[in-house]
């Protein structure tokens, strides 16, 4: 493997970890203004993610309804 190929792989790995923050966060359900998010990130990071998600759907933010393990239920407000 050449040096340029190693640089490309390193950049790809770095950008991937920066985007995910080394945690997996995903929306499992989006129905109306409800969001079910599964994440291994810190609760504050999940709240920030939910707020950004709701704002991108033209809401003002997110309100946490419940947390069970790695599942968070939010209501967009």
PDB file of N, CA and C in Angstrom:
ATOM      1  N   UNK A   1       0.858  -1.185   0.000  1.00  0.00           N
ATOM      2  CA  UNK A   1       0.000   0.000   0.000  1.00  0.00           C
ATOM      3  C   UNK A   1       0.898   1.241   0.000  1.00  0.00           C
ATOM      4  N   UNK A   2       0.641   2.151  -0.907  1.00  0.00           N
ATOM      5  CA  UNK A   2       1.439   3.367  -1.009  1.00  0.00           C
ATOM      6  C   UNK A   2       1.102   4.363   0.088  1.00  0.00           C
ATOM      7  N   UNK A   3       1.951   5.352   0.230  1.00  0.00           N
ATOM      8  CA  UNK A   3       1.744   6.380   1.262  1.00  0.00           C
ATOM      9  C   UNK A   3       0.461   7.155   1.011  1.00  0.00           C
ATOM     10  N   UNK A   4       0.148   7.413  -0.256  1.00  0.00           N
ATOM     11  CA  UNK A   4      -1.071   8.183  -0.548  1.00  0.00           C
ATOM     12  C   UNK A   4      -2.319   7.392  -0.174  1.00  0.00           C
ATOM     13  N   UNK A   5      -2.284   6.079  -0.364  1.00  0.00           N
ATOM     14  CA  UNK A   5      -3.429   5.246  -0.001  1.00  0.00           C
ATOM     15  C   UNK A   5      -3.615   5.245   1.517  1.00  0.00           C
ATOM     16  N   UNK A   6      -2.523   5.199   2.264  1.00  0.00           N
ATOM     17  CA  UNK A   6      -2.610   5.235   3.729  1.00  0.00           C
ATOM     18  C   UNK A   6      -3.206   6.558   4.201  1.00  0.00           C
ATOM     19  N   UNK A   7      -2.833   7.655   3.548  1.00  0.00           N
ATOM     20  CA  UNK A   7      -3.382   8.967   3.923  1.00  0.00           C
ATOM     21  C   UNK A   7      -4.879   9.012   3.679  1.00  0.00           C
ATOM     22  N   UNK A   8      -5.323   8.458   2.562  1.00  0.00           N
ATOM     23  CA  UNK A   8      -6.759   8.450   2.244  1.00  0.00           C
ATOM     24  C   UNK A   8      -7.523   7.638   3.283  1.00  0.00           C
ATOM     25  N   UNK A   9      -6.987   6.472   3.629  1.00  0.00           N
ATOM     26  CA  UNK A   9      -7.657   5.645   4.635  1.00  0.00           C
ATOM     27  C   UNK A   9      -7.698   6.336   5.990  1.00  0.00           C
ATOM     28  N   UNK A  10      -6.611   6.994   6.362  1.00  0.00           N
ATOM     29  CA  UNK A  10      -6.554   7.706   7.633  1.00  0.00           C
ATOM     30  C   UNK A  10      -7.566   8.848   7.659  1.00  0.00           C
ATOM     31  N   UNK A  11      -7.626   9.612   6.567  1.00  0.00           N
ATOM     32  CA  UNK A  11      -8.584  10.718   6.502  1.00  0.00           C
ATOM     33  C   UNK A  11     -10.014  10.197   6.570  1.00  0.00           C
ATOM     34  N   UNK A  12     -10.283   9.094   5.891  1.00  0.00           N
ATOM     35  CA  UNK A  12     -11.629   8.508   5.916  1.00  0.00           C
ATOM     36  C   UNK A  12     -11.984   8.064   7.330  1.00  0.00           C
ATOM     37  N   UNK A  13     -11.049   7.422   8.002  1.00  0.00           N
ATOM     38  CA  UNK A  13     -11.293   6.961   9.370  1.00  0.00           C
ATOM     39  C   UNK A  13     -11.511   8.143  10.314  1.00  0.00           C
ATOM     40  N   UNK A  14     -10.710   9.188  10.158  1.00  0.00           N
ATOM     41  CA  UNK A  14     -10.848  10.363  11.021  1.00  0.00           C
ATOM     42  C   UNK A  14     -12.173  11.069  10.808  1.00  0.00           C
ATOM     43  N   UNK A  15     -12.547  11.281   9.558  1.00  0.00           N
ATOM     44  CA  UNK A  15     -13.795  11.999   9.302  1.00  0.00           C
ATOM     45  C   UNK A  15     -14.988  11.178   9.771  1.00  0.00           C
ATOM     46  N   UNK A  16     -14.922   9.858   9.646  1.00  0.00           N
ATOM     47  CA  UNK A  16     -16.015   9.009  10.122  1.00  0.00           C
ATOM     48  C   UNK A  16     -16.175   9.083  11.621  1.00  0.00           C
ATOM     49  N   UNK A  17     -15.054   9.089  12.351  1.00  0.00           N
ATOM     50  CA  UNK A  17     -15.156   9.132  13.805  1.00  0.00           C
ATOM     51  C   UNK A  17     -15.560  10.515  14.290  1.00  0.00           C
ATOM     52  N   UNK A  18     -15.191  11.564  13.555  1.00  0.00           N
ATOM     53  CA  UNK A  18     -15.604  12.914  13.947  1.00  0.00           C
ATOM     54  C   UNK A  18     -17.103  13.088  13.765  1.00  0.00           C
ATOM     55  N   UNK A  19     -17.631  12.531  12.695  1.00  0.00           N
ATOM     56  CA  UNK A  19     -19.063  12.669  12.437  1.00  0.00           C
ATOM     57  C   UNK A  19     -19.889  11.935  13.479  1.00  0.00           C
ATOM     58  N   UNK A  20     -19.476  10.729  13.848  1.00  0.00           N
ATOM     59  CA  UNK A  20     -20.269   9.934  14.778  1.00  0.00           C
ATOM     60  C   UNK A  20     -19.895  10.208  16.228  1.00  0.00           C
ATOM     61  N   UNK A  21     -18.743  10.846  16.458  1.00  0.00           N
ATOM     62  CA  UNK A  21     -18.316  11.086  17.821  1.00  0.00           C
ATOM     63  C   UNK A  21     -18.002   9.795  18.553  1.00  0.00           C
ATOM     64  N   UNK A  22     -17.689   8.744  17.816  1.00  0.00           N
ATOM     65  CA  UNK A  22     -17.373   7.424  18.364  1.00  0.00           C
ATOM     66  C   UNK A  22     -18.583   6.771  19.047  1.00  0.00           C
ATOM     67  N   UNK A  23     -19.741   7.294  18.858  1.00  0.00           N
ATOM     68  CA  UNK A  23     -20.956   6.712  19.417  1.00  0.00           C
ATOM     69  C   UNK A  23     -21.926   6.414  18.284  1.00  0.00           C
ATOM     70  N   UNK A  24     -22.810   5.465  18.520  1.00  0.00           N
ATOM     71  CA  UNK A  24     -23.845   5.218  17.517  1.00  0.00           C
ATOM     72  C   UNK A  24     -25.131   5.879  17.997  1.00  0.00           C
ATOM     73  N   UNK A  25     -25.663   6.741  17.181  1.00  0.00           N
ATOM     74  CA  UNK A  25     -26.923   7.415  17.475  1.00  0.00           C
ATOM     75  C   UNK A  25     -27.785   7.317  16.235  1.00  0.00           C
ATOM     76  N   UNK A  26     -28.978   6.798  16.379  1.00  0.00           N
ATOM     77  CA  UNK A  26     -29.856   6.697  15.222  1.00  0.00           C
ATOM     78  C   UNK A  26     -31.304   6.893  15.631  1.00  0.00           C
ATOM     79  N   UNK A  27     -32.074   7.396  14.692  1.00  0.00           N
ATOM     80  CA  UNK A  27     -33.507   7.562  14.919  1.00  0.00           C
ATOM     81  C   UNK A  27     -34.177   6.263  14.520  1.00  0.00           C
ATOM     82  N   UNK A  28     -34.869   5.616  15.451  1.00  0.00           N
ATOM     83  CA  UNK A  28     -35.547   4.357  15.162  1.00  0.00           C
ATOM     84  C   UNK A  28     -36.969   4.594  14.686  1.00  0.00           C
ATOM     85  N   UNK A  29     -37.583   5.678  15.138  1.00  0.00           N
ATOM     86  CA  UNK A  29     -38.954   5.953  14.752  1.00  0.00           C
ATOM     87  C   UNK A  29     -39.161   7.454  14.697  1.00  0.00           C
ATOM     88  N   UNK A  30     -39.865   7.882  13.686  1.00  0.00           N
ATOM     89  CA  UNK A  30     -40.228   9.283  13.563  1.00  0.00           C
ATOM     90  C   UNK A  30     -41.673   9.322  13.103  1.00  0.00           C
ATOM     91  N   UNK A  31     -42.575   9.627  14.035  1.00  0.00           N
ATOM     92  CA  UNK A  31     -44.000   9.635  13.695  1.00  0.00           C
ATOM     93  C   UNK A  31     -44.612  10.922  14.241  1.00  0.00           C
ATOM     94  N   UNK A  32     -45.073  11.776  13.353  1.00  0.00           N
ATOM     95  CA  UNK A  32     -45.598  13.060  13.787  1.00  0.00           C
ATOM     96  C   UNK A  32     -44.497  13.851  14.453  1.00  0.00           C
ATOM     97  N   UNK A  33     -44.729  14.264  15.700  1.00  0.00           N
ATOM     98  CA  UNK A  33     -43.694  15.009  16.418  1.00  0.00           C
ATOM     99  C   UNK A  33     -42.941  14.134  17.419  1.00  0.00           C
ATOM    100  N   UNK A  34     -43.116  12.816  17.345  1.00  0.00           N
ATOM    101  CA  UNK A  34     -42.442  11.892  18.257  1.00  0.00           C
ATOM    102  C   UNK A  34     -41.189  11.328  17.596  1.00  0.00           C
ATOM    103  N   UNK A  35     -40.117  11.168  18.386  1.00  0.00           N
ATOM    104  CA  UNK A  35     -38.872  10.587  17.898  1.00  0.00           C
ATOM    105  C   UNK A  35     -38.390   9.549  18.903  1.00  0.00           C
ATOM    106  N   UNK A  36     -38.074   8.362  18.413  1.00  0.00           N
ATOM    107  CA  UNK A  36     -37.456   7.327  19.233  1.00  0.00           C
ATOM    108  C   UNK A  36     -36.019   7.215  18.768  1.00  0.00           C
ATOM    109  N   UNK A  37     -35.079   7.517  19.653  1.00  0.00           N
ATOM    110  CA  UNK A  37     -33.659   7.556  19.312  1.00  0.00           C
ATOM    111  C   UNK A  37     -32.923   6.531  20.168  1.00  0.00           C
ATOM    112  N   UNK A  38     -32.111   5.709  19.520  1.00  0.00           N
ATOM    113  CA  UNK A  38     -31.257   4.763  20.225  1.00  0.00           C
ATOM    114  C   UNK A  38     -29.837   5.278  20.144  1.00  0.00           C
ATOM    115  N   UNK A  39     -29.169   5.376  21.304  1.00  0.00           N
ATOM    116  CA  UNK A  39     -27.830   5.943  21.309  1.00  0.00           C
ATOM    117  C   UNK A  39     -27.023   5.442  22.495  1.00  0.00           C
ATOM    118  N   UNK A  40     -25.706   5.318  22.267  1.00  0.00           N
ATOM    119  CA  UNK A  40     -24.794   4.989  23.355  1.00  0.00           C
ATOM    120  C   UNK A  40     -24.031   6.235  23.814  1.00  0.00           C
ATOM    121  N   UNK A  41     -24.396   7.390  23.270  1.00  0.00           N
ATOM    122  CA  UNK A  41     -23.743   8.653  23.637  1.00  0.00           C
ATOM    123  C   UNK A  41     -24.266   9.142  24.989  1.00  0.00           C
ATOM    124  N   UNK A  42     -23.666  10.219  25.476  1.00  0.00           N
ATOM    125  CA  UNK A  42     -24.114  10.780  26.754  1.00  0.00           C
ATOM    126  C   UNK A  42     -25.508  11.395  26.580  1.00  0.00           C
ATOM    127  N   UNK A  43     -26.298  11.450  27.648  1.00  0.00           N
ATOM    128  CA  UNK A  43     -27.647  12.019  27.544  1.00  0.00           C
ATOM    129  C   UNK A  43     -27.654  13.440  26.960  1.00  0.00           C
ATOM    130  N   UNK A  44     -26.652  14.256  27.292  1.00  0.00           N
ATOM    131  CA  UNK A  44     -26.612  15.621  26.754  1.00  0.00           C
ATOM    132  C   UNK A  44     -26.397  15.606  25.254  1.00  0.00           C
ATOM    133  N   UNK A  45     -25.531  14.699  24.773  1.00  0.00           N
ATOM    134  CA  UNK A  45     -25.297  14.583  23.331  1.00  0.00           C
ATOM    135  C   UNK A  45     -26.554  14.125  22.602  1.00  0.00           C
ATOM    136  N   UNK A  46     -27.295  13.212  23.233  1.00  0.00           N
ATOM    137  CA  UNK A  46     -28.540  12.728  22.627  1.00  0.00           C
ATOM    138  C   UNK A  46     -29.563  13.861  22.579  1.00  0.00           C
ATOM    139  N   UNK A  47     -29.625  14.653  23.648  1.00  0.00           N
ATOM    140  CA  UNK A  47     -30.548  15.792  23.687  1.00  0.00           C
ATOM    141  C   UNK A  47     -30.198  16.791  22.587  1.00  0.00           C
ATOM    142  N   UNK A  48     -28.905  17.070  22.407  1.00  0.00           N
ATOM    143  CA  UNK A  48     -28.469  17.980  21.343  1.00  0.00           C
ATOM    144  C   UNK A  48     -28.842  17.431  19.977  1.00  0.00           C
ATOM    145  N   UNK A  49     -28.642  16.119  19.785  1.00  0.00           N
ATOM    146  CA  UNK A  49     -28.985  15.478  18.518  1.00  0.00           C
ATOM    147  C   UNK A  49     -30.492  15.587  18.253  1.00  0.00           C
ATOM    148  N   UNK A  50     -31.295  15.320  19.288  1.00  0.00           N
ATOM    149  CA  UNK A  50     -32.747  15.381  19.140  1.00  0.00           C
ATOM    150  C   UNK A  50     -33.197  16.808  18.830  1.00  0.00           C
ATOM    151  N   UNK A  51     -32.592  17.784  19.485  1.00  0.00           N
ATOM    152  CA  UNK A  51     -32.950  19.187  19.225  1.00  0.00           C
ATOM    153  C   UNK A  51     -32.645  19.570  17.786  1.00  0.00           C
ATOM    154  N   UNK A  52     -31.462  19.163  17.301  1.00  0.00           N
ATOM    155  CA  UNK A  52     -31.092  19.465  15.914  1.00  0.00           C
ATOM    156  C   UNK A  52     -32.039  18.784  14.940  1.00  0.00           C
ATOM    157  N   UNK A  53     -32.399  17.533  15.255  1.00  0.00           N
ATOM    158  CA  UNK A  53     -33.311  16.785  14.390  1.00  0.00           C
ATOM    159  C   UNK A  53     -34.672  17.462  14.327  1.00  0.00           C
ATOM    160  N   UNK A  54     -35.184  17.873  15.472  1.00  0.00           N
ATOM    161  CA  UNK A  54     -36.498  18.529  15.507  1.00  0.00           C
ATOM    162  C   UNK A  54     -36.445  19.885  14.804  1.00  0.00           C
ATOM    163  N   UNK A  55     -35.351  20.631  15.015  1.00  0.00           N
ATOM    164  CA  UNK A  55     -35.222  21.939  14.361  1.00  0.00           C
ATOM    165  C   UNK A  55     -35.169  21.790  12.847  1.00  0.00           C
ATOM    166  N   UNK A  56     -34.548  20.699  12.369  1.00  0.00           N
ATOM    167  CA  UNK A  56     -34.495  20.481  10.922  1.00  0.00           C
ATOM    168  C   UNK A  56     -35.877  20.135  10.365  1.00  0.00           C
ATOM    169  N   UNK A  57     -36.798  19.737  11.244  1.00  0.00           N
ATOM    170  CA  UNK A  57     -38.184  19.473  10.844  1.00  0.00           C
ATOM    171  C   UNK A  57     -39.103  20.641  11.198  1.00  0.00           C
ATOM    172  N   UNK A  58     -38.520  21.828  11.399  1.00  0.00           N
ATOM    173  CA  UNK A  58     -39.241  23.090  11.621  1.00  0.00           C
ATOM    174  C   UNK A  58     -39.935  23.175  12.974  1.00  0.00           C
ATOM    175  N   UNK A  59     -39.426  22.460  13.982  1.00  0.00           N
ATOM    176  CA  UNK A  59     -39.885  22.627  15.363  1.00  0.00           C
ATOM    177  C   UNK A  59     -38.882  23.521  16.077  1.00  0.00           C
ATOM    178  N   UNK A  60     -39.211  23.949  17.290  1.00  0.00           N
ATOM    179  CA  UNK A  60     -38.307  24.813  18.050  1.00  0.00           C
ATOM    180  C   UNK A  60     -37.246  24.017  18.808  1.00  0.00           C
ATOM    181  N   UNK A  61     -37.551  22.780  19.143  1.00  0.00           N
ATOM    182  CA  UNK A  61     -36.604  21.957  19.881  1.00  0.00           C
ATOM    183  C   UNK A  61     -37.229  20.634  20.258  1.00  0.00           C
ATOM    184  N   UNK A  62     -36.597  19.950  21.214  1.00  0.00           N
ATOM    185  CA  UNK A  62     -37.065  18.635  21.636  1.00  0.00           C
ATOM    186  C   UNK A  62     -37.274  18.594  23.142  1.00  0.00           C
ATOM    187  N   UNK A  63     -38.236  17.789  23.556  1.00  0.00           N
ATOM    188  CA  UNK A  63     -38.516  17.595  24.975  1.00  0.00           C
ATOM    189  C   UNK A  63     -38.417  16.097  25.267  1.00  0.00           C
ATOM    190  N   UNK A  64     -37.583  15.726  26.250  1.00  0.00           N
ATOM    191  CA  UNK A  64     -37.406  14.317  26.603  1.00  0.00           C
ATOM    192  C   UNK A  64     -38.654  13.802  27.306  1.00  0.00           C
ATOM    193  N   UNK A  65     -39.183  12.693  26.796  1.00  0.00           N
ATOM    194  CA  UNK A  65     -40.345  12.075  27.431  1.00  0.00           C
ATOM    195  C   UNK A  65     -39.935  10.941  28.358  1.00  0.00           C
ATOM    196  N   UNK A  66     -39.039  10.070  27.867  1.00  0.00           N
ATOM    197  CA  UNK A  66     -38.594   8.951  28.700  1.00  0.00           C
ATOM    198  C   UNK A  66     -37.275   8.392  28.196  1.00  0.00           C
ATOM    199  N   UNK A  67     -36.609   7.647  29.083  1.00  0.00           N
ATOM    200  CA  UNK A  67     -35.357   6.985  28.737  1.00  0.00           C
ATOM    201  C   UNK A  67     -35.409   5.585  29.308  1.00  0.00           C
ATOM    202  N   UNK A  68     -35.097   4.604  28.457  1.00  0.00           N
ATOM    203  CA  UNK A  68     -35.037   3.211  28.906  1.00  0.00           C
ATOM    204  C   UNK A  68     -33.790   2.587  28.289  1.00  0.00           C
ATOM    205  N   UNK A  69     -32.767   2.410  29.100  1.00  0.00           N
ATOM    206  CA  UNK A  69     -31.508   1.878  28.576  1.00  0.00           C
ATOM    207  C   UNK A  69     -30.890   2.849  27.597  1.00  0.00           C
ATOM    208  N   UNK A  70     -30.742   2.407  26.340  1.00  0.00           N
ATOM    209  CA  UNK A  70     -30.172   3.262  25.305  1.00  0.00           C
ATOM    210  C   UNK A  70     -31.247   3.902  24.439  1.00  0.00           C
ATOM    211  N   UNK A  71     -32.516   3.714  24.800  1.00  0.00           N
ATOM    212  CA  UNK A  71     -33.613   4.284  24.015  1.00  0.00           C
ATOM    213  C   UNK A  71     -34.148   5.545  24.684  1.00  0.00           C
ATOM    214  N   UNK A  72     -34.246   6.582  23.881  1.00  0.00           N
ATOM    215  CA  UNK A  72     -34.774   7.865  24.361  1.00  0.00           C
ATOM    216  C   UNK A  72     -36.006   8.216  23.539  1.00  0.00           C
ATOM    217  N   UNK A  73     -37.059   8.648  24.203  1.00  0.00           N
ATOM    218  CA  UNK A  73     -38.267   9.108  23.503  1.00  0.00           C
ATOM    219  C   UNK A  73     -38.358  10.624  23.651  1.00  0.00           C
ATOM    220  N   UNK A  74     -38.471  11.279  22.522  1.00  0.00           N
ATOM    221  CA  UNK A  74     -38.551  12.742  22.499  1.00  0.00           C
ATOM    222  C   UNK A  74     -39.831  13.168  21.812  1.00  0.00           C
ATOM    223  N   UNK A  75     -40.280  14.356  22.197  1.00  0.00           N
ATOM    224  CA  UNK A  75     -41.390  15.018  21.532  1.00  0.00           C
ATOM    225  C   UNK A  75     -40.856  16.313  20.987  1.00  0.00           C
ATOM    226  N   UNK A  76     -41.023  16.539  19.693  1.00  0.00           N
ATOM    227  CA  UNK A  76     -40.606  17.808  19.106  1.00  0.00           C
ATOM    228  C   UNK A  76     -41.629  18.872  19.477  1.00  0.00           C
ATOM    229  N   UNK A  77     -41.136  20.018  19.933  1.00  0.00           N
ATOM    230  CA  UNK A  77     -42.040  21.103  20.370  1.00  0.00           C
ATOM    231  C   UNK A  77     -41.767  22.360  19.575  1.00  0.00           C
TER     232      UNK A  77
END
